[in-house]
N, C-alpha and C. Protein backbone atom coordinates (compact mmCIF):
# COMPACT_ATOMS: atom_id res chain seq x y z
N UNK A 1 294.60 -28.83 80.21
CA UNK A 1 293.47 -28.50 80.75
C UNK A 1 293.25 -28.76 82.49
N UNK A 2 292.31 -27.89 83.37
CA UNK A 2 292.50 -28.32 84.80
C UNK A 2 291.01 -28.59 84.57
N UNK A 3 290.49 -29.19 85.68
CA UNK A 3 289.50 -29.98 86.05
C UNK A 3 288.99 -29.26 87.39
N UNK A 4 287.80 -29.01 87.89
CA UNK A 4 287.47 -28.86 88.95
C UNK A 4 287.27 -30.19 89.82
N UNK A 5 287.31 -29.96 91.05
CA UNK A 5 286.91 -31.25 91.84
C UNK A 5 285.80 -31.72 91.57
N UNK A 6 284.56 -31.09 91.23
CA UNK A 6 283.50 -31.71 90.84
C UNK A 6 283.42 -32.80 89.57
N UNK A 7 284.21 -32.39 88.79
CA UNK A 7 284.17 -33.39 87.74
C UNK A 7 285.15 -34.38 87.78
N UNK A 8 285.82 -34.56 88.68
CA UNK A 8 286.65 -35.82 89.13
C UNK A 8 286.10 -37.11 89.73
N UNK A 9 286.01 -37.88 89.46
CA UNK A 9 285.26 -39.20 90.19
C UNK A 9 286.70 -39.98 90.62
N UNK A 10 286.30 -39.84 92.06
CA UNK A 10 287.42 -40.66 92.59
C UNK A 10 287.15 -42.07 92.78
N UNK A 11 288.01 -43.07 92.61
CA UNK A 11 288.07 -44.25 92.34
C UNK A 11 289.32 -44.99 93.12
N UNK A 12 288.86 -46.02 94.07
CA UNK A 12 290.18 -47.28 94.47
C UNK A 12 290.53 -47.71 92.91
N UNK A 13 291.78 -48.58 93.15
CA UNK A 13 292.30 -48.92 91.85
C UNK A 13 291.41 -50.46 91.79
N UNK A 14 291.05 -50.62 92.79
CA UNK A 14 289.92 -52.07 92.48
C UNK A 14 288.86 -51.59 91.68
N UNK A 15 288.26 -50.39 91.94
CA UNK A 15 287.02 -49.82 91.24
C UNK A 15 287.07 -49.80 90.21
N UNK A 16 288.42 -48.39 89.50
CA UNK A 16 288.96 -48.39 88.29
C UNK A 16 289.21 -49.88 87.58
N UNK A 17 289.58 -51.06 88.28
CA UNK A 17 290.12 -52.07 87.19
C UNK A 17 288.79 -52.81 86.84
N UNK A 18 287.75 -52.56 87.77
CA UNK A 18 286.80 -53.62 87.47
C UNK A 18 285.62 -52.79 86.32
N UNK A 19 285.54 -51.81 86.56
CA UNK A 19 284.86 -50.66 85.46
C UNK A 19 285.76 -50.67 84.22
N UNK A 20 287.12 -50.71 84.03
CA UNK A 20 287.98 -50.84 82.97
C UNK A 20 287.72 -52.34 82.48
N UNK A 21 287.42 -53.14 83.26
CA UNK A 21 287.39 -54.75 82.59
C UNK A 21 285.79 -54.73 82.03
N UNK A 22 284.99 -53.93 82.24
CA UNK A 22 283.40 -53.84 82.26
C UNK A 22 283.38 -53.46 80.59
N UNK A 23 284.35 -52.00 80.49
CA UNK A 23 284.62 -51.30 79.49
C UNK A 23 284.98 -52.26 78.30
N UNK A 24 286.25 -52.99 78.64
CA UNK A 24 286.67 -53.64 77.83
C UNK A 24 285.79 -54.82 77.05
N UNK A 25 285.25 -55.36 78.16
CA UNK A 25 284.15 -56.57 77.37
C UNK A 25 283.33 -55.91 76.57
N UNK A 26 282.74 -54.74 76.87
CA UNK A 26 281.23 -54.23 76.54
C UNK A 26 282.00 -53.59 74.69
N UNK A 27 283.27 -53.06 74.97
CA UNK A 27 283.53 -52.61 73.62
C UNK A 27 284.40 -53.86 72.67
N UNK A 28 284.61 -54.81 73.15
CA UNK A 28 285.43 -55.94 72.64
C UNK A 28 284.24 -57.16 71.99
N UNK A 29 284.58 -58.29 73.31
CA UNK A 29 283.79 -59.51 72.71
C UNK A 29 282.03 -59.01 72.64
N UNK A 30 281.45 -58.24 73.86
CA UNK A 30 280.28 -57.95 73.81
C UNK A 30 279.86 -57.60 72.49
N UNK A 31 280.33 -56.61 72.00
CA UNK A 31 280.02 -55.66 70.51
C UNK A 31 280.09 -56.97 69.48
N UNK A 32 280.88 -57.95 69.50
CA UNK A 32 281.07 -58.76 68.46
C UNK A 32 279.93 -59.71 68.62
N UNK A 33 279.45 -59.92 69.78
CA UNK A 33 278.33 -61.00 70.08
C UNK A 33 276.94 -60.30 69.79
N UNK A 34 276.95 -59.00 70.06
CA UNK A 34 275.50 -58.26 69.84
C UNK A 34 275.73 -57.95 68.16
N UNK A 35 276.73 -57.75 67.42
CA UNK A 35 276.64 -57.66 66.26
C UNK A 35 276.38 -59.01 65.32
N UNK A 36 276.43 -59.92 65.91
CA UNK A 36 276.28 -61.73 65.22
C UNK A 36 274.66 -61.31 65.66
N UNK A 37 274.38 -61.15 66.43
CA UNK A 37 272.70 -61.16 67.09
C UNK A 37 272.07 -60.80 66.19
N UNK A 38 272.46 -59.70 65.66
CA UNK A 38 271.85 -58.62 64.83
C UNK A 38 271.84 -58.95 63.39
N UNK A 39 272.97 -59.69 63.06
CA UNK A 39 273.35 -60.16 61.53
C UNK A 39 272.36 -61.44 61.68
N UNK A 40 271.89 -62.28 62.48
CA UNK A 40 271.26 -63.58 62.41
C UNK A 40 270.08 -62.98 62.46
N UNK A 41 269.45 -62.00 63.10
CA UNK A 41 267.94 -61.74 63.25
C UNK A 41 267.70 -61.02 61.41
N UNK A 42 268.77 -60.49 61.37
CA UNK A 42 268.54 -59.80 59.92
C UNK A 42 268.24 -60.65 58.95
N UNK A 43 268.90 -62.01 58.71
CA UNK A 43 268.79 -63.04 58.16
C UNK A 43 267.70 -63.39 58.21
N UNK A 44 266.63 -63.48 59.35
CA UNK A 44 265.31 -64.17 59.44
C UNK A 44 264.48 -63.46 58.29
N UNK A 45 264.63 -62.22 57.63
CA UNK A 45 263.57 -61.62 56.78
C UNK A 45 263.00 -60.68 57.08
N UNK A 46 262.11 -60.29 56.89
CA UNK A 46 261.32 -58.68 57.35
C UNK A 46 261.73 -58.13 58.46
N UNK A 47 262.15 -56.84 58.51
CA UNK A 47 262.63 -56.42 59.68
C UNK A 47 261.74 -55.58 60.37
N UNK A 48 260.71 -55.04 59.75
CA UNK A 48 259.57 -54.71 60.56
C UNK A 48 258.90 -55.23 61.64
N UNK A 49 258.99 -56.66 61.30
CA UNK A 49 257.98 -57.61 62.04
C UNK A 49 258.85 -58.65 63.09
N UNK A 50 260.31 -58.04 63.05
CA UNK A 50 260.99 -58.96 63.35
C UNK A 50 261.53 -58.40 64.64
N UNK A 51 260.82 -59.27 65.74
CA UNK A 51 261.35 -58.85 67.22
C UNK A 51 262.45 -59.07 67.89
N UNK A 52 263.31 -60.38 67.51
CA UNK A 52 264.66 -60.44 67.65
C UNK A 52 265.61 -59.10 66.93
N UNK A 53 265.45 -58.86 65.92
CA UNK A 53 266.20 -57.80 65.34
C UNK A 53 266.11 -56.77 65.92
N UNK A 54 264.86 -56.45 66.49
CA UNK A 54 264.78 -55.04 67.17
C UNK A 54 265.26 -54.98 68.43
N UNK A 55 265.06 -56.11 69.16
CA UNK A 55 265.52 -56.45 70.64
C UNK A 55 267.03 -56.54 70.71
N UNK A 56 267.57 -56.79 69.41
CA UNK A 56 268.88 -56.96 69.44
C UNK A 56 269.63 -55.62 69.22
N UNK A 57 268.70 -54.46 68.31
CA UNK A 57 269.36 -53.12 68.55
C UNK A 57 268.93 -52.36 69.20
N UNK A 58 267.93 -52.59 70.07
CA UNK A 58 267.92 -51.85 71.50
C UNK A 58 269.01 -52.38 72.63
N UNK A 59 269.20 -53.53 72.55
CA UNK A 59 270.45 -54.09 73.70
C UNK A 59 271.98 -53.33 73.19
N UNK A 60 272.08 -53.11 71.78
CA UNK A 60 272.99 -52.48 71.27
C UNK A 60 272.98 -51.17 71.30
N UNK A 61 272.05 -50.54 71.41
CA UNK A 61 272.13 -48.97 71.87
C UNK A 61 272.08 -48.79 73.41
N UNK A 62 271.85 -49.66 74.11
CA UNK A 62 271.98 -49.62 75.67
C UNK A 62 273.63 -50.04 75.64
N UNK A 63 274.26 -50.90 75.43
CA UNK A 63 275.49 -51.48 75.54
C UNK A 63 276.41 -50.24 74.78
N UNK A 64 275.75 -49.52 73.82
CA UNK A 64 276.85 -48.23 73.37
C UNK A 64 276.76 -47.13 74.27
N UNK A 65 275.63 -46.83 74.85
CA UNK A 65 275.18 -46.00 76.03
C UNK A 65 276.40 -46.17 76.78
N UNK A 66 276.35 -47.34 77.74
CA UNK A 66 277.16 -47.56 78.66
C UNK A 66 278.78 -47.53 78.22
N UNK A 67 279.15 -47.85 76.90
CA UNK A 67 280.59 -47.51 76.83
C UNK A 67 280.83 -46.17 76.57
N UNK A 68 280.14 -45.14 76.29
CA UNK A 68 280.54 -43.79 76.43
C UNK A 68 280.43 -43.45 77.75
N UNK A 69 279.33 -43.85 78.46
CA UNK A 69 279.60 -43.45 79.88
C UNK A 69 280.57 -44.02 80.74
N UNK A 70 281.31 -45.12 80.58
CA UNK A 70 282.37 -45.49 81.25
C UNK A 70 283.68 -45.01 80.82
N UNK A 71 283.48 -44.87 79.42
CA UNK A 71 284.76 -43.85 78.83
C UNK A 71 284.93 -42.59 79.45
N UNK A 72 283.95 -41.90 79.69
CA UNK A 72 283.75 -40.31 80.41
C UNK A 72 284.28 -40.52 81.52
N UNK A 73 284.08 -41.72 82.34
CA UNK A 73 283.96 -41.96 83.69
C UNK A 73 285.55 -42.01 84.01
N UNK A 74 286.11 -42.92 83.15
CA UNK A 74 287.28 -43.38 83.13
C UNK A 74 288.05 -42.14 83.05
N UNK A 75 287.83 -41.35 82.03
CA UNK A 75 288.78 -40.27 81.46
C UNK A 75 288.64 -39.22 82.43
N UNK A 76 287.56 -39.20 83.70
CA UNK A 76 287.59 -38.02 84.47
C UNK A 76 288.13 -38.53 85.82
N UNK A 77 288.35 -39.74 86.31
CA UNK A 77 289.02 -40.59 87.08
C UNK A 77 290.12 -40.24 87.83
N UNK A 78 290.59 -40.02 89.02
CA UNK A 78 291.36 -39.98 89.91
C UNK A 78 291.56 -41.27 90.51
N UNK A 79 292.63 -41.97 90.21
CA UNK A 79 292.73 -43.67 90.88
C UNK A 79 293.70 -43.56 91.98
N UNK A 80 293.32 -44.08 93.29
CA UNK A 80 293.86 -44.28 94.28
C UNK A 80 294.43 -43.13 95.23
N UNK A 81 293.87 -42.25 94.84
CA UNK A 81 294.28 -40.96 95.31
C UNK A 81 293.29 -40.69 96.50
N UNK A 82 293.38 -41.10 97.51
CA UNK A 82 292.14 -40.39 98.63
C UNK A 82 292.03 -39.20 99.04
N UNK A 83 291.12 -38.37 99.31
CA UNK A 83 291.04 -37.19 99.64
C UNK A 83 291.77 -36.76 101.05
N UNK A 84 292.35 -35.64 101.18
CA UNK A 84 292.95 -35.52 102.42
C UNK A 84 292.03 -35.95 103.84
N UNK A 85 292.60 -36.04 104.71
CA UNK A 85 291.82 -36.14 105.90
C UNK A 85 291.70 -35.09 106.94
N UNK A 86 290.93 -34.18 106.34
CA UNK A 86 290.85 -32.84 106.90
C UNK A 86 289.53 -32.56 107.32
N UNK A 87 288.65 -33.26 107.49
CA UNK A 87 287.57 -33.00 108.16
C UNK A 87 286.49 -32.27 106.64
N UNK A 88 286.74 -32.17 105.72
CA UNK A 88 285.94 -31.53 104.52
C UNK A 88 285.46 -32.75 103.94
N UNK A 89 284.18 -32.43 103.55
CA UNK A 89 283.36 -33.45 102.93
C UNK A 89 283.71 -33.22 101.29
N UNK A 90 284.06 -34.28 100.53
CA UNK A 90 284.72 -34.36 99.05
C UNK A 90 284.43 -35.72 98.70
N UNK A 91 284.20 -36.10 97.27
CA UNK A 91 284.46 -37.16 96.76
C UNK A 91 285.48 -38.08 97.35
N UNK A 92 284.93 -39.25 97.42
CA UNK A 92 286.22 -40.34 98.42
C UNK A 92 285.93 -40.35 99.75
N UNK A 93 285.29 -39.69 100.40
CA UNK A 93 285.17 -39.42 101.73
C UNK A 93 283.69 -40.63 102.32
N UNK A 94 283.70 -40.94 103.45
CA UNK A 94 282.79 -41.68 104.05
C UNK A 94 282.31 -40.51 104.73
N UNK A 95 281.17 -40.22 104.84
CA UNK A 95 280.34 -39.08 105.58
C UNK A 95 279.11 -39.80 106.80
N UNK A 96 279.12 -38.90 107.44
CA UNK A 96 278.35 -39.17 108.57
C UNK A 96 277.25 -38.28 109.00
N UNK A 97 276.27 -38.17 108.85
CA UNK A 97 275.31 -36.65 108.85
C UNK A 97 274.39 -37.12 110.06
N UNK A 98 273.81 -35.96 110.70
CA UNK A 98 272.48 -36.18 111.51
C UNK A 98 271.15 -35.09 110.81
N UNK A 99 270.46 -35.75 110.89
CA UNK A 99 269.11 -34.97 110.33
C UNK A 99 268.69 -34.19 111.15
N UNK A 100 268.55 -32.95 110.58
CA UNK A 100 267.67 -31.73 111.56
C UNK A 100 268.50 -32.10 113.06
N UNK A 101 269.87 -32.27 113.36
CA UNK A 101 270.27 -31.81 114.33
C UNK A 101 270.26 -32.88 115.39
N UNK A 102 269.51 -33.92 115.10
CA UNK A 102 269.18 -34.83 115.82
C UNK A 102 269.96 -36.22 115.58
N UNK A 103 271.22 -36.41 116.70
CA UNK A 103 272.44 -37.07 116.54
C UNK A 103 271.94 -38.64 116.86
N UNK A 104 270.62 -38.76 117.15
CA UNK A 104 270.11 -40.24 117.04
C UNK A 104 269.58 -40.42 115.65
N UNK A 105 269.60 -39.71 114.83
CA UNK A 105 268.85 -40.02 113.71
C UNK A 105 270.23 -39.48 112.38
N UNK A 106 270.97 -40.60 112.22
CA UNK A 106 272.28 -40.40 111.72
C UNK A 106 272.29 -41.24 110.08
N UNK A 107 272.77 -40.93 109.44
CA UNK A 107 273.44 -41.58 108.21
C UNK A 107 274.54 -41.62 107.94
N UNK A 108 275.33 -42.75 107.39
CA UNK A 108 276.66 -42.66 106.89
C UNK A 108 276.66 -43.09 105.76
N UNK A 109 277.33 -42.42 104.73
CA UNK A 109 277.39 -42.65 103.16
C UNK A 109 278.85 -42.53 102.74
N UNK A 110 279.12 -43.23 101.41
CA UNK A 110 280.18 -42.54 100.77
C UNK A 110 279.87 -41.58 99.55
N UNK A 111 280.56 -40.39 99.72
CA UNK A 111 280.50 -39.45 98.76
C UNK A 111 281.05 -39.70 97.43
N UNK A 112 280.44 -40.48 96.46
CA UNK A 112 281.21 -40.90 95.14
C UNK A 112 280.12 -40.85 94.16
N UNK A 113 280.74 -41.41 93.05
CA UNK A 113 280.01 -41.61 91.65
C UNK A 113 278.85 -42.49 91.78
N UNK A 114 278.04 -42.60 91.34
CA UNK A 114 276.95 -43.61 91.34
C UNK A 114 277.37 -44.91 91.03
N UNK A 115 278.45 -44.73 89.75
CA UNK A 115 278.84 -45.95 89.28
C UNK A 115 279.90 -46.83 90.43
N UNK A 116 280.07 -46.21 91.27
CA UNK A 116 280.94 -46.78 92.51
C UNK A 116 279.83 -47.51 93.60
N UNK A 117 278.53 -47.17 93.12
CA UNK A 117 277.62 -47.81 94.18
C UNK A 117 277.45 -49.42 94.31
N UNK A 118 277.58 -49.62 95.78
CA UNK A 118 277.12 -51.33 95.62
C UNK A 118 276.10 -51.51 96.96
N UNK A 119 275.74 -52.53 96.98
CA UNK A 119 275.07 -53.33 98.14
C UNK A 119 275.71 -53.19 99.32
N UNK A 120 276.52 -52.90 99.57
CA UNK A 120 277.19 -53.00 101.08
C UNK A 120 277.28 -51.61 101.33
N UNK A 121 277.70 -50.39 100.67
CA UNK A 121 277.53 -49.42 101.46
C UNK A 121 276.34 -48.26 100.73
N UNK A 122 276.11 -47.38 101.32
CA UNK A 122 275.17 -46.53 101.09
C UNK A 122 275.93 -45.32 100.24
N UNK A 123 275.78 -44.97 99.14
CA UNK A 123 276.51 -43.92 98.05
C UNK A 123 275.69 -42.52 97.56
N UNK A 124 276.19 -41.72 97.94
CA UNK A 124 275.30 -40.48 97.39
C UNK A 124 276.45 -39.47 96.38
N UNK A 125 275.94 -39.16 95.08
CA UNK A 125 276.98 -38.73 94.33
C UNK A 125 277.13 -37.15 94.71
N UNK A 126 278.10 -36.77 94.52
CA UNK A 126 278.22 -35.34 94.65
C UNK A 126 277.38 -34.24 93.90
N UNK A 127 276.44 -35.13 92.72
CA UNK A 127 275.52 -34.08 91.94
C UNK A 127 274.14 -34.50 92.72
N UNK A 128 273.92 -35.35 93.74
CA UNK A 128 272.55 -35.34 94.12
C UNK A 128 272.19 -34.30 95.17
N UNK A 129 271.10 -34.12 95.60
CA UNK A 129 270.80 -32.77 96.42
C UNK A 129 271.52 -33.07 97.78
N UNK A 130 271.58 -34.31 98.31
CA UNK A 130 272.63 -34.28 99.48
C UNK A 130 273.72 -34.00 99.45
N UNK A 131 274.16 -34.79 98.58
CA UNK A 131 275.53 -34.72 97.99
C UNK A 131 276.31 -33.12 97.77
N UNK A 132 275.55 -32.31 96.95
CA UNK A 132 275.98 -31.16 96.52
C UNK A 132 275.69 -30.20 97.79
N UNK A 133 274.42 -30.76 98.82
CA UNK A 133 274.57 -29.73 99.93
C UNK A 133 276.15 -29.75 100.84
N UNK A 134 276.30 -30.97 100.93
CA UNK A 134 277.50 -31.44 102.17
C UNK A 134 278.52 -31.20 101.46
N UNK A 135 278.77 -31.28 99.97
CA UNK A 135 280.08 -31.00 99.59
C UNK A 135 280.74 -29.82 99.90
N UNK A 136 281.85 -30.00 100.49
CA UNK A 136 282.96 -28.79 100.82
C UNK A 136 282.84 -28.23 102.02
N UNK A 137 281.59 -29.01 102.89
CA UNK A 137 281.47 -28.59 104.26
C UNK A 137 282.62 -29.00 105.10
N UNK A 138 282.65 -28.54 106.03
CA UNK A 138 283.29 -29.04 107.16
C UNK A 138 282.56 -30.02 108.45
N UNK A 139 283.29 -30.78 109.18
CA UNK A 139 282.69 -31.33 110.10
C UNK A 139 282.02 -30.31 111.20
N UNK A 140 280.94 -30.63 111.69
CA UNK A 140 280.30 -29.64 112.51
C UNK A 140 279.43 -28.69 111.47
N UNK A 141 279.46 -28.51 110.72
CA UNK A 141 278.61 -27.30 109.91
C UNK A 141 277.41 -28.04 109.44
N UNK A 142 276.08 -27.44 109.33
CA UNK A 142 274.74 -27.71 108.56
C UNK A 142 274.95 -27.19 107.64
N UNK A 143 274.18 -28.03 106.79
CA UNK A 143 273.86 -28.00 105.41
C UNK A 143 272.37 -28.12 105.05
N UNK A 144 271.71 -27.50 104.00
CA UNK A 144 270.19 -27.61 103.78
C UNK A 144 270.21 -27.98 102.17
N UNK A 145 269.45 -28.79 101.97
CA UNK A 145 268.87 -29.33 100.59
C UNK A 145 267.38 -29.54 100.66
N UNK A 146 267.07 -29.41 99.37
CA UNK A 146 265.57 -29.95 99.12
C UNK A 146 265.10 -31.22 98.61
N UNK A 147 264.23 -31.74 99.45
CA UNK A 147 263.56 -33.04 99.17
C UNK A 147 262.70 -33.23 97.88
N UNK A 148 262.58 -34.36 97.37
CA UNK A 148 261.79 -34.77 96.27
C UNK A 148 260.47 -34.05 96.55
N UNK A 149 259.88 -33.72 97.64
CA UNK A 149 258.68 -33.19 97.64
C UNK A 149 258.55 -31.52 97.90
N UNK A 150 259.76 -31.14 97.82
CA UNK A 150 259.72 -29.90 97.76
C UNK A 150 260.29 -28.95 98.95
N UNK A 151 259.87 -29.74 99.81
CA UNK A 151 260.48 -29.69 101.16
C UNK A 151 261.77 -29.30 101.59
N UNK A 152 262.48 -28.28 102.63
CA UNK A 152 263.80 -28.57 102.92
C UNK A 152 264.07 -29.23 104.28
N UNK A 153 265.38 -29.93 104.12
CA UNK A 153 265.81 -30.76 104.95
C UNK A 153 267.28 -30.55 105.60
N UNK A 154 267.39 -30.29 106.96
CA UNK A 154 268.77 -29.71 107.35
C UNK A 154 269.47 -30.99 108.12
N UNK A 155 270.92 -31.19 107.62
CA UNK A 155 271.70 -32.04 108.36
C UNK A 155 273.01 -31.44 108.89
N UNK A 156 273.56 -31.88 109.79
CA UNK A 156 274.33 -31.35 110.60
C UNK A 156 275.55 -32.45 109.97
N UNK A 157 277.13 -32.06 109.68
CA UNK A 157 278.06 -33.06 109.25
C UNK A 157 278.88 -33.49 110.59
N UNK A 158 278.73 -34.74 110.93
CA UNK A 158 279.19 -35.15 112.20
C UNK A 158 280.66 -35.62 111.88
N UNK A 159 281.12 -36.34 110.48
CA UNK A 159 282.14 -37.21 110.38
C UNK A 159 282.36 -36.76 108.79
N UNK A 160 283.77 -36.59 108.88
CA UNK A 160 284.11 -36.76 107.16
C UNK A 160 285.42 -37.71 107.10
N UNK A 161 285.67 -38.93 106.62
CA UNK A 161 287.00 -39.25 106.69
C UNK A 161 287.09 -40.21 105.43
N UNK A 162 288.34 -40.06 104.81
CA UNK A 162 288.63 -40.68 103.45
C UNK A 162 288.22 -42.10 103.50
N UNK A 163 287.59 -42.78 102.14
CA UNK A 163 287.14 -43.96 102.30
C UNK A 163 288.61 -45.14 101.90
N UNK A 164 288.35 -45.94 102.60
CA UNK A 164 289.03 -47.19 102.43
C UNK A 164 288.33 -48.33 102.10
N UNK A 165 288.62 -49.12 101.04
CA UNK A 165 287.54 -50.50 100.88
C UNK A 165 288.59 -51.43 101.37
């Protein structure tokens, strides 16, 4: 089965290891822990009015959703393969844009999955309005995307370099 570039999530080996460790924890020790919480709450009696039971079940649901998300993400990940340094915007690139062609009003961000988002670096997903507008464009080209208020914004791509962490 071949995949299009849009379905692939580019991850560094470190990011892959971190997400894999989270998945292993959630599908192993954390699953056992939540099962014990549910069983303990169940032993308290009437489940209709048992806040601890309902909280544990909700936590279990969130945890299982995260397990499914991580499993899918890691199945579609390309690890350690940085994109080509060819000036074309794609996942795994550090991108610098200028808003409305104003080279004093710029933004630099990593084009990557939301899973890769961190506090150190601005991250935009290829599926976001800005990400999808610039994805596949070359340095020097313009792109237009829709803002949440329905207005259009235009940007010029100033730089696109493979991200190294």
